[in-house]
């Protein structure tokens, strides 16, 4: 897999995670606790965060990506 494609995949995950975090904030302010949209948005954010961590850990284990230090 191309390095730029790997980076794009991780960045896409992060953008969707931040999007769901913003959606949770928006629903919290707009709905005033009358719906479960806030909980659903934050649950999706947590699930995506866990999936991203597992994907990165699997990628390191399989040798698809290699961790490096700052500036490496």
PDB file of N, CA and C in Angstrom:
ATOM      1  N   UNK A   1       0.845  -1.175   0.000  1.00  0.00           N
ATOM      2  CA  UNK A   1       0.000   0.000   0.000  1.00  0.00           C
ATOM      3  C   UNK A   1       0.893   1.242   0.000  1.00  0.00           C
ATOM      4  N   UNK A   2       0.513   2.225  -0.743  1.00  0.00           N
ATOM      5  CA  UNK A   2       1.264   3.459  -0.874  1.00  0.00           C
ATOM      6  C   UNK A   2       1.259   4.245   0.443  1.00  0.00           C
ATOM      7  N   UNK A   3       2.384   4.911   0.766  1.00  0.00           N
ATOM      8  CA  UNK A   3       2.478   5.667   2.014  1.00  0.00           C
ATOM      9  C   UNK A   3       1.459   6.796   2.076  1.00  0.00           C
ATOM     10  N   UNK A   4       1.229   7.462   0.972  1.00  0.00           N
ATOM     11  CA  UNK A   4       0.264   8.560   0.981  1.00  0.00           C
ATOM     12  C   UNK A   4      -1.160   8.040   1.178  1.00  0.00           C
ATOM     13  N   UNK A   5      -1.443   6.838   0.697  1.00  0.00           N
ATOM     14  CA  UNK A   5      -2.761   6.249   0.907  1.00  0.00           C
ATOM     15  C   UNK A   5      -2.971   5.886   2.372  1.00  0.00           C
ATOM     16  N   UNK A   6      -1.922   5.387   3.016  1.00  0.00           N
ATOM     17  CA  UNK A   6      -2.003   5.084   4.450  1.00  0.00           C
ATOM     18  C   UNK A   6      -2.255   6.349   5.249  1.00  0.00           C
ATOM     19  N   UNK A   7      -1.520   7.395   4.922  1.00  0.00           N
ATOM     20  CA  UNK A   7      -1.695   8.668   5.616  1.00  0.00           C
ATOM     21  C   UNK A   7      -3.094   9.217   5.383  1.00  0.00           C
ATOM     22  N   UNK A   8      -3.580   9.131   4.157  1.00  0.00           N
ATOM     23  CA  UNK A   8      -4.915   9.613   3.832  1.00  0.00           C
ATOM     24  C   UNK A   8      -5.986   8.846   4.615  1.00  0.00           C
ATOM     25  N   UNK A   9      -5.815   7.543   4.759  1.00  0.00           N
ATOM     26  CA  UNK A   9      -6.768   6.734   5.509  1.00  0.00           C
ATOM     27  C   UNK A   9      -6.817   7.165   6.977  1.00  0.00           C
ATOM     28  N   UNK A  10      -5.668   7.376   7.578  1.00  0.00           N
ATOM     29  CA  UNK A  10      -5.623   7.784   8.987  1.00  0.00           C
ATOM     30  C   UNK A  10      -6.203   9.184   9.159  1.00  0.00           C
ATOM     31  N   UNK A  11      -5.855  10.092   8.260  1.00  0.00           N
ATOM     32  CA  UNK A  11      -6.388  11.458   8.335  1.00  0.00           C
ATOM     33  C   UNK A  11      -7.902  11.454   8.132  1.00  0.00           C
ATOM     34  N   UNK A  12      -8.394  10.609   7.230  1.00  0.00           N
ATOM     35  CA  UNK A  12      -9.843  10.508   7.015  1.00  0.00           C
ATOM     36  C   UNK A  12     -10.541  10.023   8.288  1.00  0.00           C
ATOM     37  N   UNK A  13      -9.957   9.030   8.952  1.00  0.00           N
ATOM     38  CA  UNK A  13     -10.506   8.572  10.227  1.00  0.00           C
ATOM     39  C   UNK A  13     -10.571   9.729  11.215  1.00  0.00           C
ATOM     40  N   UNK A  14      -9.488  10.491  11.328  1.00  0.00           N
ATOM     41  CA  UNK A  14      -9.435  11.599  12.282  1.00  0.00           C
ATOM     42  C   UNK A  14     -10.461  12.683  11.952  1.00  0.00           C
ATOM     43  N   UNK A  15     -10.652  12.970  10.672  1.00  0.00           N
ATOM     44  CA  UNK A  15     -11.644  13.974  10.273  1.00  0.00           C
ATOM     45  C   UNK A  15     -13.048  13.517  10.657  1.00  0.00           C
ATOM     46  N   UNK A  16     -13.360  12.250  10.420  1.00  0.00           N
ATOM     47  CA  UNK A  16     -14.688  11.730  10.774  1.00  0.00           C
ATOM     48  C   UNK A  16     -14.871  11.737  12.293  1.00  0.00           C
ATOM     49  N   UNK A  17     -13.813  11.446  13.046  1.00  0.00           N
ATOM     50  CA  UNK A  17     -13.891  11.471  14.499  1.00  0.00           C
ATOM     51  C   UNK A  17     -14.183  12.886  14.991  1.00  0.00           C
ATOM     52  N   UNK A  18     -13.472  13.866  14.448  1.00  0.00           N
ATOM     53  CA  UNK A  18     -13.705  15.268  14.849  1.00  0.00           C
ATOM     54  C   UNK A  18     -15.094  15.719  14.407  1.00  0.00           C
ATOM     55  N   UNK A  19     -15.534  15.277  13.245  1.00  0.00           N
ATOM     56  CA  UNK A  19     -16.884  15.608  12.768  1.00  0.00           C
ATOM     57  C   UNK A  19     -17.941  15.100  13.758  1.00  0.00           C
ATOM     58  N   UNK A  20     -17.805  13.861  14.209  1.00  0.00           N
ATOM     59  CA  UNK A  20     -18.764  13.309  15.159  1.00  0.00           C
ATOM     60  C   UNK A  20     -18.695  14.018  16.503  1.00  0.00           C
ATOM     61  N   UNK A  21     -17.522  14.443  16.912  1.00  0.00           N
ATOM     62  CA  UNK A  21     -17.389  15.211  18.138  1.00  0.00           C
ATOM     63  C   UNK A  21     -18.130  16.538  18.007  1.00  0.00           C
ATOM     64  N   UNK A  22     -17.968  17.211  16.876  1.00  0.00           N
ATOM     65  CA  UNK A  22     -18.692  18.462  16.632  1.00  0.00           C
ATOM     66  C   UNK A  22     -20.191  18.241  16.547  1.00  0.00           C
ATOM     67  N   UNK A  23     -20.603  17.148  15.933  1.00  0.00           N
ATOM     68  CA  UNK A  23     -22.037  16.838  15.850  1.00  0.00           C
ATOM     69  C   UNK A  23     -22.610  16.611  17.241  1.00  0.00           C
ATOM     70  N   UNK A  24     -21.846  15.926  18.101  1.00  0.00           N
ATOM     71  CA  UNK A  24     -22.303  15.718  19.479  1.00  0.00           C
ATOM     72  C   UNK A  24     -22.480  17.036  20.208  1.00  0.00           C
ATOM     73  N   UNK A  25     -21.535  17.964  20.030  1.00  0.00           N
ATOM     74  CA  UNK A  25     -21.650  19.282  20.650  1.00  0.00           C
ATOM     75  C   UNK A  25     -22.854  20.032  20.110  1.00  0.00           C
ATOM     76  N   UNK A  26     -23.026  20.004  18.803  1.00  0.00           N
ATOM     77  CA  UNK A  26     -24.167  20.689  18.190  1.00  0.00           C
ATOM     78  C   UNK A  26     -25.495  20.125  18.710  1.00  0.00           C
ATOM     79  N   UNK A  27     -25.627  18.795  18.720  1.00  0.00           N
ATOM     80  CA  UNK A  27     -26.866  18.184  19.184  1.00  0.00           C
ATOM     81  C   UNK A  27     -27.105  18.465  20.657  1.00  0.00           C
ATOM     82  N   UNK A  28     -26.030  18.531  21.430  1.00  0.00           N
ATOM     83  CA  UNK A  28     -26.182  18.819  22.854  1.00  0.00           C
ATOM     84  C   UNK A  28     -26.746  20.230  23.053  1.00  0.00           C
ATOM     85  N   UNK A  29     -26.288  21.185  22.243  1.00  0.00           N
ATOM     86  CA  UNK A  29     -26.758  22.556  22.383  1.00  0.00           C
ATOM     87  C   UNK A  29     -28.154  22.762  21.805  1.00  0.00           C
ATOM     88  N   UNK A  30     -28.467  22.072  20.725  1.00  0.00           N
ATOM     89  CA  UNK A  30     -29.741  22.291  20.040  1.00  0.00           C
ATOM     90  C   UNK A  30     -30.881  21.487  20.669  1.00  0.00           C
ATOM     91  N   UNK A  31     -30.632  20.219  20.979  1.00  0.00           N
ATOM     92  CA  UNK A  31     -31.717  19.337  21.432  1.00  0.00           C
ATOM     93  C   UNK A  31     -32.079  19.529  22.892  1.00  0.00           C
ATOM     94  N   UNK A  32     -31.185  20.048  23.696  1.00  0.00           N
ATOM     95  CA  UNK A  32     -31.435  20.267  25.128  1.00  0.00           C
ATOM     96  C   UNK A  32     -31.851  18.986  25.855  1.00  0.00           C
ATOM     97  N   UNK A  33     -31.297  17.854  25.441  1.00  0.00           N
ATOM     98  CA  UNK A  33     -31.561  16.596  26.135  1.00  0.00           C
ATOM     99  C   UNK A  33     -32.856  15.906  25.776  1.00  0.00           C
ATOM    100  N   UNK A  34     -33.504  16.333  24.709  1.00  0.00           N
ATOM    101  CA  UNK A  34     -34.786  15.723  24.351  1.00  0.00           C
ATOM    102  C   UNK A  34     -34.623  14.506  23.436  1.00  0.00           C
ATOM    103  N   UNK A  35     -33.483  14.367  22.784  1.00  0.00           N
ATOM    104  CA  UNK A  35     -33.259  13.209  21.910  1.00  0.00           C
ATOM    105  C   UNK A  35     -31.950  12.525  22.298  1.00  0.00           C
ATOM    106  N   UNK A  36     -31.684  11.402  21.654  1.00  0.00           N
ATOM    107  CA  UNK A  36     -30.465  10.645  21.912  1.00  0.00           C
ATOM    108  C   UNK A  36     -29.406  10.884  20.830  1.00  0.00           C
ATOM    109  N   UNK A  37     -29.562  11.939  20.040  1.00  0.00           N
ATOM    110  CA  UNK A  37     -28.605  12.201  18.971  1.00  0.00           C
ATOM    111  C   UNK A  37     -27.215  12.498  19.517  1.00  0.00           C
ATOM    112  N   UNK A  38     -27.125  13.171  20.652  1.00  0.00           N
ATOM    113  CA  UNK A  38     -25.817  13.463  21.251  1.00  0.00           C
ATOM    114  C   UNK A  38     -25.109  12.181  21.637  1.00  0.00           C
ATOM    115  N   UNK A  39     -25.831  11.303  22.300  1.00  0.00           N
ATOM    116  CA  UNK A  39     -25.251  10.025  22.726  1.00  0.00           C
ATOM    117  C   UNK A  39     -24.825   9.207  21.517  1.00  0.00           C
ATOM    118  N   UNK A  40     -25.639   9.185  20.487  1.00  0.00           N
ATOM    119  CA  UNK A  40     -25.297   8.420  19.279  1.00  0.00           C
ATOM    120  C   UNK A  40     -24.045   8.971  18.600  1.00  0.00           C
ATOM    121  N   UNK A  41     -23.932  10.287  18.503  1.00  0.00           N
ATOM    122  CA  UNK A  41     -22.759  10.890  17.862  1.00  0.00           C
ATOM    123  C   UNK A  41     -21.500  10.587  18.669  1.00  0.00           C
ATOM    124  N   UNK A  42     -21.573  10.691  19.980  1.00  0.00           N
ATOM    125  CA  UNK A  42     -20.400  10.440  20.803  1.00  0.00           C
ATOM    126  C   UNK A  42     -20.053   8.949  20.847  1.00  0.00           C
ATOM    127  N   UNK A  43     -21.059   8.087  20.760  1.00  0.00           N
ATOM    128  CA  UNK A  43     -20.804   6.648  20.695  1.00  0.00           C
ATOM    129  C   UNK A  43     -20.078   6.289  19.396  1.00  0.00           C
ATOM    130  N   UNK A  44     -20.504   6.898  18.288  1.00  0.00           N
ATOM    131  CA  UNK A  44     -19.815   6.677  17.018  1.00  0.00           C
ATOM    132  C   UNK A  44     -18.375   7.161  17.101  1.00  0.00           C
ATOM    133  N   UNK A  45     -18.155   8.301  17.756  1.00  0.00           N
ATOM    134  CA  UNK A  45     -16.800   8.838  17.891  1.00  0.00           C
ATOM    135  C   UNK A  45     -15.904   7.884  18.656  1.00  0.00           C
ATOM    136  N   UNK A  46     -16.426   7.332  19.743  1.00  0.00           N
ATOM    137  CA  UNK A  46     -15.639   6.387  20.539  1.00  0.00           C
ATOM    138  C   UNK A  46     -15.354   5.123  19.736  1.00  0.00           C
ATOM    139  N   UNK A  47     -16.352   4.620  19.021  1.00  0.00           N
ATOM    140  CA  UNK A  47     -16.160   3.417  18.212  1.00  0.00           C
ATOM    141  C   UNK A  47     -15.121   3.651  17.114  1.00  0.00           C
ATOM    142  N   UNK A  48     -15.180   4.807  16.477  1.00  0.00           N
ATOM    143  CA  UNK A  48     -14.196   5.120  15.436  1.00  0.00           C
ATOM    144  C   UNK A  48     -12.797   5.279  16.023  1.00  0.00           C
ATOM    145  N   UNK A  49     -12.700   5.869  17.201  1.00  0.00           N
ATOM    146  CA  UNK A  49     -11.389   6.024  17.848  1.00  0.00           C
ATOM    147  C   UNK A  49     -10.786   4.670  18.181  1.00  0.00           C
ATOM    148  N   UNK A  50     -11.592   3.773  18.718  1.00  0.00           N
ATOM    149  CA  UNK A  50     -11.113   2.431  19.039  1.00  0.00           C
ATOM    150  C   UNK A  50     -10.719   1.692  17.765  1.00  0.00           C
ATOM    151  N   UNK A  51     -11.528   1.826  16.716  1.00  0.00           N
ATOM    152  CA  UNK A  51     -11.215   1.172  15.445  1.00  0.00           C
ATOM    153  C   UNK A  51      -9.904   1.703  14.867  1.00  0.00           C
ATOM    154  N   UNK A  52      -9.670   3.007  14.976  1.00  0.00           N
ATOM    155  CA  UNK A  52      -8.426   3.582  14.470  1.00  0.00           C
ATOM    156  C   UNK A  52      -7.225   3.081  15.259  1.00  0.00           C
ATOM    157  N   UNK A  53      -7.346   3.015  16.568  1.00  0.00           N
ATOM    158  CA  UNK A  53      -6.249   2.498  17.394  1.00  0.00           C
ATOM    159  C   UNK A  53      -5.950   1.047  17.038  1.00  0.00           C
ATOM    160  N   UNK A  54      -6.983   0.240  16.887  1.00  0.00           N
ATOM    161  CA  UNK A  54      -6.779  -1.164  16.528  1.00  0.00           C
ATOM    162  C   UNK A  54      -6.186  -1.300  15.124  1.00  0.00           C
ATOM    163  N   UNK A  55      -6.617  -0.453  14.192  1.00  0.00           N
ATOM    164  CA  UNK A  55      -6.079  -0.482  12.835  1.00  0.00           C
ATOM    165  C   UNK A  55      -4.595  -0.130  12.831  1.00  0.00           C
ATOM    166  N   UNK A  56      -4.216   0.888  13.580  1.00  0.00           N
ATOM    167  CA  UNK A  56      -2.814   1.272  13.643  1.00  0.00           C
ATOM    168  C   UNK A  56      -1.988   0.177  14.314  1.00  0.00           C
ATOM    169  N   UNK A  57      -2.510  -0.389  15.401  1.00  0.00           N
ATOM    170  CA  UNK A  57      -1.789  -1.470  16.085  1.00  0.00           C
ATOM    171  C   UNK A  57      -1.629  -2.681  15.166  1.00  0.00           C
ATOM    172  N   UNK A  58      -2.665  -3.045  14.437  1.00  0.00           N
ATOM    173  CA  UNK A  58      -2.591  -4.162  13.500  1.00  0.00           C
ATOM    174  C   UNK A  58      -1.599  -3.865  12.378  1.00  0.00           C
ATOM    175  N   UNK A  59      -1.621  -2.630  11.890  1.00  0.00           N
ATOM    176  CA  UNK A  59      -0.708  -2.244  10.819  1.00  0.00           C
ATOM    177  C   UNK A  59       0.743  -2.310  11.268  1.00  0.00           C
ATOM    178  N   UNK A  60       1.021  -1.898  12.493  1.00  0.00           N
ATOM    179  CA  UNK A  60       2.377  -1.990  13.022  1.00  0.00           C
ATOM    180  C   UNK A  60       2.773  -3.452  13.178  1.00  0.00           C
ATOM    181  N   UNK A  61       1.868  -4.268  13.712  1.00  0.00           N
ATOM    182  CA  UNK A  61       2.142  -5.690  13.917  1.00  0.00           C
ATOM    183  C   UNK A  61       2.414  -6.407  12.600  1.00  0.00           C
ATOM    184  N   UNK A  62       1.634  -6.084  11.568  1.00  0.00           N
ATOM    185  CA  UNK A  62       1.784  -6.741  10.270  1.00  0.00           C
ATOM    186  C   UNK A  62       2.947  -6.168   9.458  1.00  0.00           C
ATOM    187  N   UNK A  63       3.509  -5.057   9.904  1.00  0.00           N
ATOM    188  CA  UNK A  63       4.629  -4.458   9.202  1.00  0.00           C
ATOM    189  C   UNK A  63       4.247  -3.532   8.079  1.00  0.00           C
ATOM    190  N   UNK A  64       2.962  -3.177   7.997  1.00  0.00           N
ATOM    191  CA  UNK A  64       2.507  -2.280   6.942  1.00  0.00           C
ATOM    192  C   UNK A  64       2.980  -0.852   7.186  1.00  0.00           C
ATOM    193  N   UNK A  65       3.075  -0.470   8.458  1.00  0.00           N
ATOM    194  CA  UNK A  65       3.624   0.833   8.821  1.00  0.00           C
ATOM    195  C   UNK A  65       4.689   0.605   9.876  1.00  0.00           C
ATOM    196  N   UNK A  66       5.628   1.523   9.944  1.00  0.00           N
ATOM    197  CA  UNK A  66       6.692   1.404  10.946  1.00  0.00           C
ATOM    198  C   UNK A  66       6.690   2.676  11.794  1.00  0.00           C
ATOM    199  N   UNK A  67       6.642   2.508  13.101  1.00  0.00           N
ATOM    200  CA  UNK A  67       6.680   3.690  13.971  1.00  0.00           C
ATOM    201  C   UNK A  67       8.082   4.305  13.943  1.00  0.00           C
ATOM    202  N   UNK A  68       8.120   5.603  14.131  1.00  0.00           N
ATOM    203  CA  UNK A  68       9.397   6.309  14.156  1.00  0.00           C
ATOM    204  C   UNK A  68       9.295   7.470  15.118  1.00  0.00           C
ATOM    205  N   UNK A  69      10.425   8.012  15.484  1.00  0.00           N
ATOM    206  CA  UNK A  69      10.462   9.140  16.392  1.00  0.00           C
ATOM    207  C   UNK A  69      10.134  10.438  15.705  1.00  0.00           C
ATOM    208  N   UNK A  70      10.133  11.508  16.449  1.00  0.00           N
ATOM    209  CA  UNK A  70       9.851  12.820  15.907  1.00  0.00           C
ATOM    210  C   UNK A  70      10.962  13.202  14.940  1.00  0.00           C
ATOM    211  N   UNK A  71      10.581  13.611  13.756  1.00  0.00           N
ATOM    212  CA  UNK A  71      11.555  14.021  12.742  1.00  0.00           C
ATOM    213  C   UNK A  71      12.251  12.853  12.065  1.00  0.00           C
ATOM    214  N   UNK A  72      11.714  11.621  12.236  1.00  0.00           N
ATOM    215  CA  UNK A  72      12.390  10.451  11.671  1.00  0.00           C
ATOM    216  C   UNK A  72      11.933  10.031  10.370  1.00  0.00           C
TER     217      UNK A  72
END
